[in-house]
Amino acid sequence: MMRARKRAIRIVLAGAMLALGMAGPAAAAPQRIKVTGEIIDSWCQVSQIMGVGVGTAHHQCAIWCAVGGIPVGIQGDDGKTYVLLKVEETADLVGNPAIVDIQTDKITADADLYERDGVNYLVVSKVLENGGIVDLNHKQYGIVPFGE
């Protein structure tokens, strides 16, 4: 009787976990892509506290955010935003000089794309080209966040 009860409890718990999505499908295999876009910090991109959050007008803020641990991404020319998980041989993206050095640069990268729950994640194996800092400035966009 005790074994049957324990088994029934396990079955109910397993069913509840499935119903709540706790035992969802495994992540899909990555897709190899080449992506071109600007290195961004995700906070300014989402909050728009710095206006459009791109280019030279945003460069110093992007450095501070990267050093402070805000997730770094790529605003792709394809219109998608990608969260960077790893760039080349970087062990840690937080405050990493290699990542800080390319803030607001326009790059082309060879990467593995992982898509999960509507979010695009990249593991960059190689930065193929670096076009330098995107030149969008305060004269074009005004002083943000308060305007001119």
C-alpha atoms as a PDB file:
ATOM      1  CA  MET A   1       0.000   0.000   0.000  1.00  0.00           C
ATOM      2  CA  MET A   2       2.813   2.405   0.904  1.00  0.00           C
ATOM      3  CA  ARG A   3       4.634   1.720  -2.399  1.00  0.00           C
ATOM      4  CA  ALA A   4       1.475   2.343  -4.394  1.00  0.00           C
ATOM      5  CA  ARG A   5       0.928   5.649  -2.589  1.00  0.00           C
ATOM      6  CA  LYS A   6       4.530   6.796  -3.200  1.00  0.00           C
ATOM      7  CA  ARG A   7       4.224   5.827  -6.854  1.00  0.00           C
ATOM      8  CA  ALA A   8       0.958   7.759  -7.168  1.00  0.00           C
ATOM      9  CA  ILE A   9       2.558  10.830  -5.581  1.00  0.00           C
ATOM     10  CA  ARG A  10       5.501  10.630  -8.014  1.00  0.00           C
ATOM     11  CA  ILE A  11       3.117  10.403 -10.974  1.00  0.00           C
ATOM     12  CA  VAL A  12       1.110  13.418  -9.753  1.00  0.00           C
ATOM     13  CA  LEU A  13       4.300  15.441  -9.185  1.00  0.00           C
ATOM     14  CA  ALA A  14       5.659  14.519 -12.619  1.00  0.00           C
ATOM     15  CA  GLY A  15       2.358  15.547 -14.214  1.00  0.00           C
ATOM     16  CA  ALA A  16       2.378  18.853 -12.330  1.00  0.00           C
ATOM     17  CA  MET A  17       5.951  19.550 -13.439  1.00  0.00           C
ATOM     18  CA  LEU A  18       5.024  18.894 -17.061  1.00  0.00           C
ATOM     19  CA  ALA A  19       1.936  21.084 -16.776  1.00  0.00           C
ATOM     20  CA  LEU A  20       4.011  23.927 -15.345  1.00  0.00           C
ATOM     21  CA  GLY A  21       6.626  23.590 -18.054  1.00  0.00           C
ATOM     22  CA  MET A  22       9.366  22.591 -15.660  1.00  0.00           C
ATOM     23  CA  ALA A  23      10.341  19.605 -17.746  1.00  0.00           C
ATOM     24  CA  GLY A  24      10.240  21.349 -21.120  1.00  0.00           C
ATOM     25  CA  PRO A  25      12.010  20.274 -24.280  1.00  0.00           C
ATOM     26  CA  ALA A  26      15.770  20.495 -24.547  1.00  0.00           C
ATOM     27  CA  ALA A  27      17.237  23.528 -26.288  1.00  0.00           C
ATOM     28  CA  ALA A  28      17.553  23.217 -30.043  1.00  0.00           C
ATOM     29  CA  ALA A  29      20.970  22.762 -31.599  1.00  0.00           C
ATOM     30  CA  PRO A  30      22.656  26.028 -32.578  1.00  0.00           C
ATOM     31  CA  GLN A  31      22.535  27.440 -36.083  1.00  0.00           C
ATOM     32  CA  ARG A  32      25.808  28.750 -37.553  1.00  0.00           C
ATOM     33  CA  ILE A  33      25.338  32.341 -38.797  1.00  0.00           C
ATOM     34  CA  LYS A  34      27.295  35.389 -39.874  1.00  0.00           C
ATOM     35  CA  VAL A  35      25.925  38.521 -38.218  1.00  0.00           C
ATOM     36  CA  THR A  36      26.767  42.179 -38.776  1.00  0.00           C
ATOM     37  CA  GLY A  37      25.767  44.898 -36.363  1.00  0.00           C
ATOM     38  CA  GLU A  38      26.705  47.251 -33.566  1.00  0.00           C
ATOM     39  CA  ILE A  39      27.867  46.081 -30.149  1.00  0.00           C
ATOM     40  CA  ILE A  40      25.330  47.431 -27.643  1.00  0.00           C
ATOM     41  CA  ASP A  41      24.595  47.320 -23.956  1.00  0.00           C
ATOM     42  CA  SER A  42      21.196  45.800 -23.378  1.00  0.00           C
ATOM     43  CA  TRP A  43      20.043  48.194 -20.642  1.00  0.00           C
ATOM     44  CA  CYS A  44      20.224  51.341 -22.769  1.00  0.00           C
ATOM     45  CA  GLN A  45      18.808  49.520 -25.766  1.00  0.00           C
ATOM     46  CA  VAL A  46      15.739  48.342 -23.839  1.00  0.00           C
ATOM     47  CA  SER A  47      15.175  51.320 -21.519  1.00  0.00           C
ATOM     48  CA  GLN A  48      16.092  53.953 -24.142  1.00  0.00           C
ATOM     49  CA  ILE A  49      17.413  56.098 -21.273  1.00  0.00           C
ATOM     50  CA  MET A  50      20.129  57.213 -23.698  1.00  0.00           C
ATOM     51  CA  GLY A  51      17.758  57.720 -26.621  1.00  0.00           C
ATOM     52  CA  VAL A  52      18.567  55.351 -29.448  1.00  0.00           C
ATOM     53  CA  GLY A  53      21.416  53.850 -27.395  1.00  0.00           C
ATOM     54  CA  VAL A  54      23.852  53.483 -30.277  1.00  0.00           C
ATOM     55  CA  GLY A  55      26.931  55.163 -31.736  1.00  0.00           C
ATOM     56  CA  THR A  56      29.502  57.603 -30.424  1.00  0.00           C
ATOM     57  CA  ALA A  57      26.904  59.575 -28.473  1.00  0.00           C
ATOM     58  CA  HIS A  58      26.444  56.453 -26.391  1.00  0.00           C
ATOM     59  CA  HIS A  59      30.002  55.080 -26.387  1.00  0.00           C
ATOM     60  CA  GLN A  60      31.112  55.995 -22.854  1.00  0.00           C
ATOM     61  CA  CYS A  61      27.838  54.820 -21.333  1.00  0.00           C
ATOM     62  CA  ALA A  62      28.177  51.497 -23.162  1.00  0.00           C
ATOM     63  CA  ILE A  63      31.652  51.054 -21.659  1.00  0.00           C
ATOM     64  CA  TRP A  64      30.393  51.791 -18.148  1.00  0.00           C
ATOM     65  CA  CYS A  65      27.499  49.357 -18.579  1.00  0.00           C
ATOM     66  CA  ALA A  66      29.766  46.579 -19.892  1.00  0.00           C
ATOM     67  CA  VAL A  67      32.216  47.044 -17.013  1.00  0.00           C
ATOM     68  CA  GLY A  68      29.300  47.148 -14.567  1.00  0.00           C
ATOM     69  CA  GLY A  69      27.914  43.813 -15.717  1.00  0.00           C
ATOM     70  CA  ILE A  70      25.061  44.856 -18.010  1.00  0.00           C
ATOM     71  CA  PRO A  71      24.693  42.169 -20.705  1.00  0.00           C
ATOM     72  CA  VAL A  72      26.358  43.047 -24.002  1.00  0.00           C
ATOM     73  CA  GLY A  73      24.646  42.347 -27.299  1.00  0.00           C
ATOM     74  CA  ILE A  74      24.623  43.026 -31.011  1.00  0.00           C
ATOM     75  CA  GLN A  75      21.975  45.145 -32.706  1.00  0.00           C
ATOM     76  CA  GLY A  76      22.058  43.324 -36.016  1.00  0.00           C
ATOM     77  CA  ASP A  77      21.679  44.927 -39.411  1.00  0.00           C
ATOM     78  CA  ASP A  78      18.971  42.277 -39.877  1.00  0.00           C
ATOM     79  CA  GLY A  79      16.827  44.079 -37.265  1.00  0.00           C
ATOM     80  CA  LYS A  80      17.330  41.439 -34.567  1.00  0.00           C
ATOM     81  CA  THR A  81      18.952  41.952 -31.191  1.00  0.00           C
ATOM     82  CA  TYR A  82      21.332  39.248 -29.981  1.00  0.00           C
ATOM     83  CA  VAL A  83      22.610  38.657 -26.434  1.00  0.00           C
ATOM     84  CA  LEU A  84      26.311  37.731 -26.419  1.00  0.00           C
ATOM     85  CA  LEU A  85      27.200  34.752 -24.271  1.00  0.00           C
ATOM     86  CA  LYS A  86      30.813  34.447 -25.376  1.00  0.00           C
ATOM     87  CA  VAL A  87      33.146  36.216 -27.797  1.00  0.00           C
ATOM     88  CA  GLU A  88      36.069  34.217 -29.146  1.00  0.00           C
ATOM     89  CA  GLU A  89      38.105  32.962 -26.205  1.00  0.00           C
ATOM     90  CA  THR A  90      36.703  35.308 -23.562  1.00  0.00           C
ATOM     91  CA  ALA A  91      36.188  33.515 -20.292  1.00  0.00           C
ATOM     92  CA  ASP A  92      33.948  36.255 -18.867  1.00  0.00           C
ATOM     93  CA  LEU A  93      32.107  39.070 -20.646  1.00  0.00           C
ATOM     94  CA  VAL A  94      31.734  41.234 -17.523  1.00  0.00           C
ATOM     95  CA  GLY A  95      34.401  43.927 -17.570  1.00  0.00           C
ATOM     96  CA  ASN A  96      36.501  41.978 -20.057  1.00  0.00           C
ATOM     97  CA  PRO A  97      38.884  44.377 -21.860  1.00  0.00           C
ATOM     98  CA  ALA A  98      38.286  42.593 -25.180  1.00  0.00           C
ATOM     99  CA  ILE A  99      34.543  43.306 -24.907  1.00  0.00           C
ATOM    100  CA  VAL A 100      34.979  46.832 -23.511  1.00  0.00           C
ATOM    101  CA  ASP A 101      37.301  47.697 -26.414  1.00  0.00           C
ATOM    102  CA  ILE A 102      34.610  46.953 -29.005  1.00  0.00           C
ATOM    103  CA  GLN A 103      31.679  48.791 -27.393  1.00  0.00           C
ATOM    104  CA  THR A 104      29.629  50.613 -30.054  1.00  0.00           C
ATOM    105  CA  ASP A 105      31.811  49.151 -32.840  1.00  0.00           C
ATOM    106  CA  LYS A 106      30.171  47.736 -35.918  1.00  0.00           C
ATOM    107  CA  ILE A 107      31.384  44.179 -36.351  1.00  0.00           C
ATOM    108  CA  THR A 108      30.797  41.152 -38.517  1.00  0.00           C
ATOM    109  CA  ALA A 109      31.058  37.877 -36.643  1.00  0.00           C
ATOM    110  CA  ASP A 110      30.866  34.169 -37.266  1.00  0.00           C
ATOM    111  CA  ALA A 111      28.692  32.749 -34.488  1.00  0.00           C
ATOM    112  CA  ASP A 112      26.466  29.999 -33.187  1.00  0.00           C
ATOM    113  CA  LEU A 113      22.883  31.215 -32.727  1.00  0.00           C
ATOM    114  CA  TYR A 114      20.752  29.733 -29.982  1.00  0.00           C
ATOM    115  CA  GLU A 115      17.083  30.732 -29.993  1.00  0.00           C
ATOM    116  CA  ARG A 116      15.123  30.081 -26.818  1.00  0.00           C
ATOM    117  CA  ASP A 117      11.787  31.539 -25.700  1.00  0.00           C
ATOM    118  CA  GLY A 118      11.991  34.356 -28.248  1.00  0.00           C
ATOM    119  CA  VAL A 119      15.514  35.420 -27.242  1.00  0.00           C
ATOM    120  CA  ASN A 120      18.523  35.252 -29.609  1.00  0.00           C
ATOM    121  CA  TYR A 121      21.804  34.239 -27.961  1.00  0.00           C
ATOM    122  CA  LEU A 122      25.189  34.241 -29.704  1.00  0.00           C
ATOM    123  CA  VAL A 123      28.430  32.442 -29.053  1.00  0.00           C
ATOM    124  CA  VAL A 124      30.861  34.282 -31.324  1.00  0.00           C
ATOM    125  CA  SER A 125      33.679  32.085 -32.544  1.00  0.00           C
ATOM    126  CA  LYS A 126      35.436  34.812 -34.562  1.00  0.00           C
ATOM    127  CA  VAL A 127      35.083  38.551 -35.159  1.00  0.00           C
ATOM    128  CA  LEU A 128      35.653  38.665 -38.905  1.00  0.00           C
ATOM    129  CA  GLU A 129      35.616  42.451 -39.372  1.00  0.00           C
ATOM    130  CA  ASN A 130      35.592  45.448 -37.074  1.00  0.00           C
ATOM    131  CA  GLY A 131      34.474  48.724 -38.661  1.00  0.00           C
ATOM    132  CA  GLY A 132      35.134  50.735 -35.521  1.00  0.00           C
ATOM    133  CA  ILE A 133      32.780  52.972 -33.591  1.00  0.00           C
ATOM    134  CA  VAL A 134      29.503  53.774 -35.307  1.00  0.00           C
ATOM    135  CA  ASP A 135      29.489  57.554 -35.809  1.00  0.00           C
ATOM    136  CA  LEU A 136      26.135  58.741 -34.520  1.00  0.00           C
ATOM    137  CA  ASN A 137      26.586  61.803 -32.361  1.00  0.00           C
ATOM    138  CA  HIS A 138      24.797  64.355 -30.205  1.00  0.00           C
ATOM    139  CA  LYS A 139      24.509  66.781 -33.113  1.00  0.00           C
ATOM    140  CA  GLN A 140      22.388  64.184 -34.902  1.00  0.00           C
ATOM    141  CA  TYR A 141      20.357  63.000 -31.905  1.00  0.00           C
ATOM    142  CA  GLY A 142      20.493  65.809 -29.346  1.00  0.00           C
ATOM    143  CA  ILE A 143      21.668  65.523 -25.748  1.00  0.00           C
ATOM    144  CA  VAL A 144      19.954  62.532 -24.173  1.00  0.00           C
ATOM    145  CA  PRO A 145      17.997  61.919 -22.026  1.00  0.00           C
ATOM    146  CA  PHE A 146      16.965  65.575 -21.675  1.00  0.00           C
ATOM    147  CA  GLY A 147      17.228  66.960 -25.221  1.00  0.00           C
ATOM    148  CA  GLU A 148      19.113  70.103 -26.259  1.00  0.00           C
END
